[in-house]
Amino acid sequence: MKQLIIFLFFAFTLVACGKSSDDDPVGTYTGSGYRGLERIRLDFDSDGNVECHVGESDGLASWSDEAYGTYSTDQSTIDITFTAVDEDNVKYKSLPLELFDSLRYYKSSNTIVMYKDGAASTMERHVTSLGDWLTFIGYIFAILFPLAIPLGALAMYIYHRKKKQKQ
C-alpha cells in the first residue's frame, strides 16, 4: 500500500509539472479593427481552425460578419488563411480578407498584436467558453491532486497512530 501511494504521488507530480509544448493561441481574442468602430474577435481552436467575427455598432446601425479559416504558428507569428466567408455577411462578402497584414502572438501575456499599414493594435485573450473553464479547472486539479495523496496518507497515518495509542 505504501509503495502504491508513493508511486501515485510521483506519477501525478510528473503529470502536474509537465511543461506544455503547445504554443498555439487557443482561445478567444478581441480587439479593435482599423476601420472606424470595427471590433474583431478571433476564435482559435486546438485543431488549427479559426473563426473571425468582425462587427460594428455605432448606435444607429450595426452589422456582424464572419469568416472561417485555418492558422499556423511559427515561433510568435500567426499565419491565418481564410477559406470561407459567411453568405449573410454585410461588408466582408469575398476573399481575401484584408483585416490585418500580420499577427504576433505573445504567450506570456496572452495577447496578439495585429499590424496593418504600420499601425499596431492589441487583442487580449478572454476566458469565455465552457472549454476554457474546463481547461482551467483541469490545470488546478493537476496542480492540487498530487498534494492530496501525501496529505491523505499523512492523515491516515496520524489517525491510525492515535487509534493505536488509545488501545
N, C-alpha and C. Protein backbone atom coordinates (compact mmCIF):
# COMPACT_ATOMS: atom_id res chain seq x y z
N MET A 1 0.83 -1.19 0.00
CA MET A 1 0.00 0.00 0.00
C MET A 1 0.87 1.25 0.00
N LYS A 2 1.91 1.24 0.81
CA LYS A 2 2.80 2.38 0.91
C LYS A 2 3.50 2.63 -0.44
N GLN A 3 3.91 1.56 -1.10
CA GLN A 3 4.58 1.69 -2.39
C GLN A 3 3.64 2.24 -3.45
N LEU A 4 2.38 1.83 -3.40
CA LEU A 4 1.39 2.34 -4.35
C LEU A 4 1.18 3.84 -4.16
N ILE A 5 1.08 4.27 -2.92
CA ILE A 5 0.89 5.70 -2.64
C ILE A 5 2.08 6.50 -3.13
N ILE A 6 3.29 6.00 -2.89
CA ILE A 6 4.49 6.70 -3.35
C ILE A 6 4.52 6.76 -4.87
N PHE A 7 4.18 5.65 -5.52
CA PHE A 7 4.16 5.62 -6.99
C PHE A 7 3.15 6.63 -7.53
N LEU A 8 1.93 6.64 -6.98
CA LEU A 8 0.91 7.57 -7.45
C LEU A 8 1.33 9.01 -7.22
N PHE A 9 1.96 9.28 -6.09
CA PHE A 9 2.43 10.63 -5.80
C PHE A 9 3.39 11.11 -6.88
N PHE A 10 4.40 10.29 -7.20
CA PHE A 10 5.37 10.69 -8.21
C PHE A 10 4.76 10.75 -9.61
N ALA A 11 3.86 9.86 -9.91
CA ALA A 11 3.22 9.87 -11.23
C ALA A 11 2.40 11.15 -11.43
N PHE A 12 1.59 11.50 -10.44
CA PHE A 12 0.77 12.70 -10.57
C PHE A 12 1.61 13.97 -10.49
N THR A 13 2.70 13.94 -9.77
CA THR A 13 3.60 15.09 -9.74
C THR A 13 4.22 15.32 -11.11
N LEU A 14 4.63 14.26 -11.78
CA LEU A 14 5.19 14.39 -13.11
C LEU A 14 4.16 14.94 -14.09
N VAL A 15 2.92 14.48 -13.99
CA VAL A 15 1.86 14.97 -14.87
C VAL A 15 1.59 16.45 -14.61
N ALA A 16 1.54 16.83 -13.33
CA ALA A 16 1.23 18.21 -12.98
C ALA A 16 2.35 19.16 -13.37
N CYS A 17 3.57 18.69 -13.27
CA CYS A 17 4.71 19.56 -13.56
C CYS A 17 5.13 19.52 -15.01
N GLY A 18 4.50 18.67 -15.81
CA GLY A 18 4.88 18.56 -17.21
C GLY A 18 4.65 19.88 -17.92
N LYS A 19 5.65 20.30 -18.68
CA LYS A 19 5.55 21.57 -19.39
C LYS A 19 4.87 21.36 -20.72
N SER A 20 3.88 22.16 -20.99
CA SER A 20 3.18 22.06 -22.26
C SER A 20 4.04 22.65 -23.37
N SER A 21 4.13 21.94 -24.48
CA SER A 21 4.88 22.45 -25.62
C SER A 21 3.96 23.13 -26.62
N ASP A 22 2.71 23.29 -26.23
CA ASP A 22 1.71 23.87 -27.11
C ASP A 22 1.83 25.39 -27.10
N ASP A 23 2.35 25.94 -28.18
CA ASP A 23 2.50 27.39 -28.27
C ASP A 23 1.41 28.02 -29.13
N ASP A 24 0.34 27.29 -29.38
CA ASP A 24 -0.75 27.82 -30.19
C ASP A 24 -1.62 28.77 -29.35
N PRO A 25 -2.18 29.77 -29.99
CA PRO A 25 -3.01 30.75 -29.28
C PRO A 25 -4.46 30.28 -29.14
N VAL A 26 -4.67 29.11 -28.59
CA VAL A 26 -6.03 28.57 -28.48
C VAL A 26 -6.84 29.46 -27.54
N GLY A 27 -8.04 29.85 -27.99
CA GLY A 27 -8.91 30.70 -27.18
C GLY A 27 -9.50 31.81 -28.01
N THR A 28 -10.12 32.76 -27.34
CA THR A 28 -10.80 33.88 -27.97
C THR A 28 -10.04 35.17 -27.68
N TYR A 29 -9.76 35.92 -28.74
CA TYR A 29 -9.05 37.19 -28.61
C TYR A 29 -9.90 38.29 -29.26
N THR A 30 -10.02 39.42 -28.59
CA THR A 30 -10.81 40.52 -29.13
C THR A 30 -9.99 41.81 -29.13
N GLY A 31 -10.32 42.67 -30.08
CA GLY A 31 -9.65 43.96 -30.17
C GLY A 31 -10.33 44.84 -31.20
N SER A 32 -9.83 46.04 -31.33
CA SER A 32 -10.38 47.00 -32.29
C SER A 32 -9.73 46.81 -33.64
N GLY A 33 -10.54 47.03 -34.66
CA GLY A 33 -10.02 46.96 -36.02
C GLY A 33 -9.49 48.31 -36.46
N TYR A 34 -9.23 48.43 -37.74
CA TYR A 34 -8.62 49.65 -38.26
C TYR A 34 -9.60 50.52 -39.03
N ARG A 35 -10.80 50.04 -39.23
CA ARG A 35 -11.78 50.80 -39.99
C ARG A 35 -12.87 51.31 -39.04
N GLY A 36 -12.70 52.49 -38.54
CA GLY A 36 -13.72 53.09 -37.69
C GLY A 36 -13.95 52.35 -36.39
N LEU A 37 -15.18 51.97 -36.15
CA LEU A 37 -15.57 51.35 -34.89
C LEU A 37 -15.57 49.83 -34.94
N GLU A 38 -14.95 49.24 -35.94
CA GLU A 38 -14.96 47.79 -36.07
C GLU A 38 -14.30 47.10 -34.88
N ARG A 39 -14.94 46.02 -34.45
CA ARG A 39 -14.37 45.15 -33.42
C ARG A 39 -14.10 43.80 -34.08
N ILE A 40 -12.93 43.22 -33.77
CA ILE A 40 -12.56 41.94 -34.33
C ILE A 40 -12.41 40.94 -33.20
N ARG A 41 -12.97 39.75 -33.41
CA ARG A 41 -12.81 38.64 -32.46
C ARG A 41 -12.31 37.43 -33.23
N LEU A 42 -11.20 36.87 -32.76
CA LEU A 42 -10.64 35.67 -33.37
C LEU A 42 -10.78 34.53 -32.38
N ASP A 43 -11.39 33.43 -32.83
CA ASP A 43 -11.57 32.23 -32.02
C ASP A 43 -10.68 31.12 -32.59
N PHE A 44 -9.59 30.81 -31.88
CA PHE A 44 -8.66 29.77 -32.30
C PHE A 44 -8.99 28.47 -31.58
N ASP A 45 -9.05 27.35 -32.31
CA ASP A 45 -9.22 26.06 -31.63
C ASP A 45 -7.93 25.26 -31.75
N SER A 46 -7.87 24.17 -31.03
CA SER A 46 -6.64 23.38 -30.97
C SER A 46 -6.38 22.56 -32.24
N ASP A 47 -7.36 22.49 -33.14
CA ASP A 47 -7.21 21.73 -34.38
C ASP A 47 -6.65 22.56 -35.54
N GLY A 48 -6.30 23.83 -35.27
CA GLY A 48 -5.76 24.68 -36.32
C GLY A 48 -6.80 25.46 -37.09
N ASN A 49 -8.04 25.48 -36.58
CA ASN A 49 -9.10 26.24 -37.23
C ASN A 49 -9.31 27.57 -36.51
N VAL A 50 -9.75 28.57 -37.25
CA VAL A 50 -10.00 29.89 -36.67
C VAL A 50 -11.31 30.44 -37.24
N GLU A 51 -12.07 31.10 -36.37
CA GLU A 51 -13.26 31.84 -36.78
C GLU A 51 -12.99 33.31 -36.52
N CYS A 52 -13.33 34.15 -37.47
CA CYS A 52 -13.15 35.59 -37.33
C CYS A 52 -14.53 36.25 -37.35
N HIS A 53 -14.78 37.05 -36.35
CA HIS A 53 -16.04 37.80 -36.26
C HIS A 53 -15.69 39.28 -36.28
N VAL A 54 -16.21 39.97 -37.28
CA VAL A 54 -15.97 41.41 -37.41
C VAL A 54 -17.31 42.09 -37.34
N GLY A 55 -17.41 43.12 -36.53
CA GLY A 55 -18.68 43.81 -36.42
C GLY A 55 -18.52 45.26 -36.04
N GLU A 56 -19.63 45.98 -36.17
CA GLU A 56 -19.62 47.40 -35.85
C GLU A 56 -20.98 47.76 -35.26
N SER A 57 -20.94 48.56 -34.24
CA SER A 57 -22.18 49.07 -33.65
C SER A 57 -21.92 50.50 -33.22
N ASP A 58 -22.51 51.43 -33.96
CA ASP A 58 -22.31 52.84 -33.65
C ASP A 58 -23.55 53.49 -33.07
N GLY A 59 -24.52 52.69 -32.68
CA GLY A 59 -25.74 53.24 -32.11
C GLY A 59 -26.87 53.34 -33.12
N LEU A 60 -26.57 53.67 -34.37
CA LEU A 60 -27.59 53.79 -35.40
C LEU A 60 -27.72 52.52 -36.23
N ALA A 61 -26.60 51.98 -36.57
CA ALA A 61 -26.59 50.77 -37.40
C ALA A 61 -25.56 49.81 -36.84
N SER A 62 -25.84 48.54 -37.02
CA SER A 62 -24.86 47.55 -36.59
C SER A 62 -24.86 46.40 -37.58
N TRP A 63 -23.73 45.74 -37.67
CA TRP A 63 -23.59 44.58 -38.53
C TRP A 63 -22.54 43.67 -37.93
N SER A 64 -22.55 42.42 -38.36
CA SER A 64 -21.59 41.45 -37.87
C SER A 64 -21.32 40.43 -38.98
N ASP A 65 -20.06 40.32 -39.37
CA ASP A 65 -19.66 39.39 -40.41
C ASP A 65 -18.78 38.29 -39.83
N GLU A 66 -18.77 37.14 -40.51
CA GLU A 66 -17.97 36.01 -40.05
C GLU A 66 -17.15 35.45 -41.21
N ALA A 67 -15.94 34.99 -40.85
CA ALA A 67 -15.07 34.31 -41.82
C ALA A 67 -14.43 33.13 -41.12
N TYR A 68 -14.06 32.13 -41.91
CA TYR A 68 -13.52 30.89 -41.35
C TYR A 68 -12.24 30.54 -42.08
N GLY A 69 -11.33 29.90 -41.35
CA GLY A 69 -10.09 29.50 -41.98
C GLY A 69 -9.24 28.63 -41.09
N THR A 70 -7.98 28.56 -41.44
CA THR A 70 -7.01 27.77 -40.69
C THR A 70 -5.86 28.69 -40.28
N TYR A 71 -5.12 28.24 -39.26
CA TYR A 71 -3.97 29.03 -38.83
C TYR A 71 -2.81 28.11 -38.50
N SER A 72 -1.63 28.69 -38.53
CA SER A 72 -0.43 28.01 -38.08
C SER A 72 0.45 29.04 -37.39
N THR A 73 1.31 28.55 -36.51
CA THR A 73 2.22 29.46 -35.81
C THR A 73 3.66 29.08 -36.13
N ASP A 74 4.48 30.09 -36.24
CA ASP A 74 5.91 29.91 -36.43
C ASP A 74 6.58 30.84 -35.43
N GLN A 75 7.06 30.25 -34.34
CA GLN A 75 7.56 30.99 -33.18
C GLN A 75 6.44 31.87 -32.66
N SER A 76 6.49 33.17 -32.84
CA SER A 76 5.41 34.01 -32.33
C SER A 76 4.57 34.64 -33.44
N THR A 77 4.77 34.23 -34.67
CA THR A 77 3.99 34.76 -35.79
C THR A 77 2.83 33.81 -36.09
N ILE A 78 1.64 34.38 -36.26
CA ILE A 78 0.46 33.60 -36.60
C ILE A 78 0.13 33.85 -38.07
N ASP A 79 -0.02 32.79 -38.82
CA ASP A 79 -0.39 32.89 -40.23
C ASP A 79 -1.80 32.34 -40.39
N ILE A 80 -2.74 33.20 -40.79
CA ILE A 80 -4.13 32.80 -40.98
C ILE A 80 -4.44 32.77 -42.47
N THR A 81 -5.05 31.68 -42.90
CA THR A 81 -5.54 31.56 -44.28
C THR A 81 -7.05 31.43 -44.20
N PHE A 82 -7.75 32.48 -44.60
CA PHE A 82 -9.21 32.43 -44.61
C PHE A 82 -9.68 31.65 -45.82
N THR A 83 -10.58 30.69 -45.59
CA THR A 83 -11.04 29.82 -46.66
C THR A 83 -12.50 30.04 -47.03
N ALA A 84 -13.26 30.72 -46.15
CA ALA A 84 -14.68 30.93 -46.44
C ALA A 84 -15.20 32.13 -45.66
N VAL A 85 -16.21 32.75 -46.22
CA VAL A 85 -16.93 33.81 -45.53
C VAL A 85 -18.40 33.40 -45.44
N ASP A 86 -19.09 33.90 -44.43
CA ASP A 86 -20.49 33.58 -44.26
C ASP A 86 -21.30 34.22 -45.39
N GLU A 87 -22.28 33.49 -45.89
CA GLU A 87 -23.08 34.01 -47.02
C GLU A 87 -23.96 35.20 -46.63
N ASP A 88 -24.20 35.40 -45.33
CA ASP A 88 -25.02 36.51 -44.87
C ASP A 88 -24.20 37.74 -44.49
N ASN A 89 -22.92 37.77 -44.80
CA ASN A 89 -22.07 38.91 -44.44
C ASN A 89 -22.57 40.19 -45.11
N VAL A 90 -22.38 41.29 -44.41
CA VAL A 90 -22.81 42.60 -44.90
C VAL A 90 -21.67 43.33 -45.60
N LYS A 91 -20.49 43.33 -44.98
CA LYS A 91 -19.36 44.10 -45.52
C LYS A 91 -18.29 43.22 -46.15
N TYR A 92 -17.89 42.18 -45.48
CA TYR A 92 -16.82 41.31 -45.96
C TYR A 92 -17.45 40.09 -46.63
N LYS A 93 -17.77 40.24 -47.93
CA LYS A 93 -18.50 39.20 -48.65
C LYS A 93 -17.62 38.28 -49.48
N SER A 94 -16.35 38.64 -49.66
CA SER A 94 -15.48 37.82 -50.51
C SER A 94 -14.08 37.76 -49.93
N LEU A 95 -13.35 36.77 -50.43
CA LEU A 95 -11.96 36.59 -50.03
C LEU A 95 -11.07 37.28 -51.06
N PRO A 96 -9.90 37.69 -50.73
CA PRO A 96 -9.22 37.61 -49.44
C PRO A 96 -9.67 38.75 -48.51
N LEU A 97 -9.65 38.46 -47.23
CA LEU A 97 -9.95 39.48 -46.22
C LEU A 97 -8.67 40.26 -45.93
N GLU A 98 -8.80 41.55 -45.87
CA GLU A 98 -7.63 42.38 -45.59
C GLU A 98 -7.84 43.10 -44.26
N LEU A 99 -8.00 42.30 -43.21
CA LEU A 99 -8.21 42.87 -41.88
C LEU A 99 -6.90 43.26 -41.22
N PHE A 100 -5.81 42.56 -41.54
CA PHE A 100 -4.51 42.84 -40.94
C PHE A 100 -3.42 42.32 -41.88
N ASP A 101 -2.23 42.91 -41.72
CA ASP A 101 -1.08 42.46 -42.51
C ASP A 101 -0.40 41.27 -41.86
N SER A 102 -0.26 41.33 -40.53
CA SER A 102 0.39 40.23 -39.81
C SER A 102 -0.09 40.21 -38.36
N LEU A 103 0.14 39.07 -37.71
CA LEU A 103 -0.23 38.88 -36.31
C LEU A 103 0.97 38.34 -35.55
N ARG A 104 1.21 38.87 -34.35
CA ARG A 104 2.25 38.35 -33.46
C ARG A 104 1.58 37.91 -32.17
N TYR A 105 1.96 36.71 -31.72
CA TYR A 105 1.37 36.12 -30.52
C TYR A 105 2.39 36.17 -29.38
N TYR A 106 1.96 36.72 -28.25
CA TYR A 106 2.79 36.81 -27.06
C TYR A 106 2.16 35.94 -25.97
N LYS A 107 2.68 34.71 -25.84
CA LYS A 107 2.11 33.73 -24.93
C LYS A 107 2.16 34.19 -23.47
N SER A 108 3.24 34.85 -23.08
CA SER A 108 3.42 35.24 -21.68
C SER A 108 2.34 36.22 -21.21
N SER A 109 1.83 37.04 -22.09
CA SER A 109 0.79 38.00 -21.70
C SER A 109 -0.57 37.67 -22.30
N ASN A 110 -0.68 36.54 -23.00
CA ASN A 110 -1.93 36.14 -23.65
C ASN A 110 -2.51 37.25 -24.53
N THR A 111 -1.65 37.82 -25.36
CA THR A 111 -2.10 38.87 -26.27
C THR A 111 -1.64 38.58 -27.69
N ILE A 112 -2.36 39.14 -28.62
CA ILE A 112 -2.00 39.11 -30.03
C ILE A 112 -1.94 40.56 -30.49
N VAL A 113 -0.90 40.90 -31.23
CA VAL A 113 -0.79 42.24 -31.79
C VAL A 113 -1.03 42.15 -33.29
N MET A 114 -2.03 42.91 -33.75
CA MET A 114 -2.36 42.98 -35.17
C MET A 114 -1.62 44.16 -35.78
N TYR A 115 -1.04 43.94 -36.96
CA TYR A 115 -0.36 45.01 -37.68
C TYR A 115 -1.07 45.24 -39.00
N LYS A 116 -1.34 46.51 -39.28
CA LYS A 116 -1.98 46.88 -40.55
C LYS A 116 -1.43 48.23 -40.98
N ASP A 117 -0.78 48.28 -42.13
CA ASP A 117 -0.22 49.51 -42.68
C ASP A 117 0.67 50.24 -41.67
N GLY A 118 1.47 49.51 -40.92
CA GLY A 118 2.41 50.10 -39.97
C GLY A 118 1.83 50.40 -38.61
N ALA A 119 0.52 50.33 -38.46
CA ALA A 119 -0.11 50.58 -37.16
C ALA A 119 -0.31 49.26 -36.43
N ALA A 120 -0.31 49.32 -35.11
CA ALA A 120 -0.46 48.10 -34.29
C ALA A 120 -1.67 48.25 -33.37
N SER A 121 -2.33 47.13 -33.15
CA SER A 121 -3.47 47.09 -32.24
C SER A 121 -3.40 45.78 -31.46
N THR A 122 -3.64 45.86 -30.15
CA THR A 122 -3.52 44.69 -29.28
C THR A 122 -4.87 44.02 -29.08
N MET A 123 -4.85 42.69 -29.17
CA MET A 123 -6.03 41.88 -28.89
C MET A 123 -5.72 41.07 -27.63
N GLU A 124 -6.65 41.03 -26.69
CA GLU A 124 -6.45 40.30 -25.45
C GLU A 124 -7.28 39.03 -25.43
N ARG A 125 -6.77 38.02 -24.74
CA ARG A 125 -7.46 36.73 -24.63
C ARG A 125 -8.52 36.82 -23.54
N HIS A 126 -9.66 36.22 -23.83
CA HIS A 126 -10.77 36.19 -22.87
C HIS A 126 -11.18 34.76 -22.61
N VAL A 127 -11.37 34.43 -21.33
CA VAL A 127 -11.87 33.11 -20.96
C VAL A 127 -13.38 33.23 -20.92
N THR A 128 -14.00 32.72 -21.98
CA THR A 128 -15.45 32.87 -22.08
C THR A 128 -16.18 31.57 -22.32
N SER A 129 -15.51 30.60 -22.88
CA SER A 129 -16.23 29.39 -23.25
C SER A 129 -16.14 28.33 -22.16
N LEU A 130 -17.03 27.38 -22.21
CA LEU A 130 -17.03 26.27 -21.25
C LEU A 130 -15.73 25.48 -21.35
N GLY A 131 -15.23 25.31 -22.56
CA GLY A 131 -13.98 24.59 -22.75
C GLY A 131 -12.80 25.27 -22.05
N ASP A 132 -12.77 26.61 -22.10
CA ASP A 132 -11.70 27.34 -21.40
C ASP A 132 -11.80 27.14 -19.90
N TRP A 133 -13.02 27.17 -19.35
CA TRP A 133 -13.20 26.96 -17.91
C TRP A 133 -12.82 25.54 -17.52
N LEU A 134 -13.19 24.57 -18.33
CA LEU A 134 -12.83 23.18 -18.01
C LEU A 134 -11.31 22.98 -18.07
N THR A 135 -10.65 23.63 -19.00
CA THR A 135 -9.19 23.56 -19.07
C THR A 135 -8.58 24.18 -17.82
N PHE A 136 -9.10 25.31 -17.40
CA PHE A 136 -8.60 25.97 -16.19
C PHE A 136 -8.80 25.08 -14.97
N ILE A 137 -9.97 24.48 -14.84
CA ILE A 137 -10.23 23.58 -13.71
C ILE A 137 -9.31 22.36 -13.77
N GLY A 138 -9.04 21.87 -14.97
CA GLY A 138 -8.12 20.74 -15.13
C GLY A 138 -6.72 21.09 -14.66
N TYR A 139 -6.25 22.30 -14.97
CA TYR A 139 -4.93 22.72 -14.50
C TYR A 139 -4.89 22.80 -12.98
N ILE A 140 -5.92 23.37 -12.37
CA ILE A 140 -5.97 23.46 -10.91
C ILE A 140 -5.97 22.06 -10.31
N PHE A 141 -6.77 21.16 -10.86
CA PHE A 141 -6.82 19.79 -10.37
C PHE A 141 -5.46 19.12 -10.50
N ALA A 142 -4.80 19.32 -11.65
CA ALA A 142 -3.49 18.69 -11.87
C ALA A 142 -2.44 19.21 -10.89
N ILE A 143 -2.58 20.44 -10.46
CA ILE A 143 -1.63 21.01 -9.50
C ILE A 143 -1.94 20.55 -8.09
N LEU A 144 -3.21 20.54 -7.71
CA LEU A 144 -3.58 20.23 -6.33
C LEU A 144 -3.68 18.73 -6.04
N PHE A 145 -3.99 17.91 -7.03
CA PHE A 145 -4.18 16.49 -6.79
C PHE A 145 -2.94 15.80 -6.24
N PRO A 146 -1.74 16.10 -6.76
CA PRO A 146 -0.56 15.45 -6.17
C PRO A 146 -0.36 15.79 -4.69
N LEU A 147 -0.84 16.94 -4.26
CA LEU A 147 -0.74 17.29 -2.85
C LEU A 147 -1.74 16.50 -2.01
N ALA A 148 -2.86 16.11 -2.59
CA ALA A 148 -3.89 15.39 -1.84
C ALA A 148 -3.41 14.00 -1.43
N ILE A 149 -2.62 13.36 -2.24
CA ILE A 149 -2.16 12.00 -1.93
C ILE A 149 -1.28 11.98 -0.68
N PRO A 150 -0.21 12.79 -0.61
CA PRO A 150 0.60 12.72 0.60
C PRO A 150 -0.13 13.26 1.83
N LEU A 151 -0.98 14.26 1.66
CA LEU A 151 -1.74 14.76 2.80
C LEU A 151 -2.74 13.72 3.29
N GLY A 152 -3.36 13.01 2.37
CA GLY A 152 -4.27 11.93 2.76
C GLY A 152 -3.54 10.80 3.46
N ALA A 153 -2.36 10.46 2.95
CA ALA A 153 -1.56 9.41 3.59
C ALA A 153 -1.12 9.85 4.99
N LEU A 154 -0.74 11.11 5.13
CA LEU A 154 -0.35 11.63 6.45
C LEU A 154 -1.53 11.61 7.41
N ALA A 155 -2.70 11.99 6.93
CA ALA A 155 -3.89 11.97 7.79
C ALA A 155 -4.22 10.55 8.22
N MET A 156 -4.11 9.59 7.29
CA MET A 156 -4.36 8.19 7.64
C MET A 156 -3.35 7.70 8.66
N TYR A 157 -2.09 8.07 8.52
CA TYR A 157 -1.04 7.67 9.46
C TYR A 157 -1.32 8.22 10.85
N ILE A 158 -1.67 9.49 10.91
CA ILE A 158 -1.96 10.12 12.22
C ILE A 158 -3.19 9.48 12.85
N TYR A 159 -4.22 9.24 12.06
CA TYR A 159 -5.45 8.63 12.57
C TYR A 159 -5.16 7.25 13.16
N HIS A 160 -4.43 6.41 12.42
CA HIS A 160 -4.13 5.06 12.89
C HIS A 160 -3.18 5.08 14.10
N ARG A 161 -2.30 6.02 14.13
CA ARG A 161 -1.39 6.13 15.28
C ARG A 161 -2.17 6.50 16.54
N LYS A 162 -3.07 7.47 16.43
CA LYS A 162 -3.90 7.86 17.58
C LYS A 162 -4.80 6.70 18.01
N LYS A 163 -5.30 5.96 17.04
CA LYS A 163 -6.16 4.83 17.35
C LYS A 163 -5.38 3.76 18.12
N LYS A 164 -4.13 3.51 17.75
CA LYS A 164 -3.30 2.54 18.46
C LYS A 164 -2.95 3.02 19.86
N GLN A 165 -2.75 4.34 20.02
CA GLN A 165 -2.42 4.88 21.34
C GLN A 165 -3.59 4.75 22.31
N LYS A 166 -4.81 4.86 21.82
CA LYS A 166 -5.99 4.71 22.69
C LYS A 166 -6.17 3.29 23.14
N GLN A 167 -5.71 2.33 22.36
CA GLN A 167 -5.91 0.93 22.72
C GLN A 167 -4.97 0.53 23.77
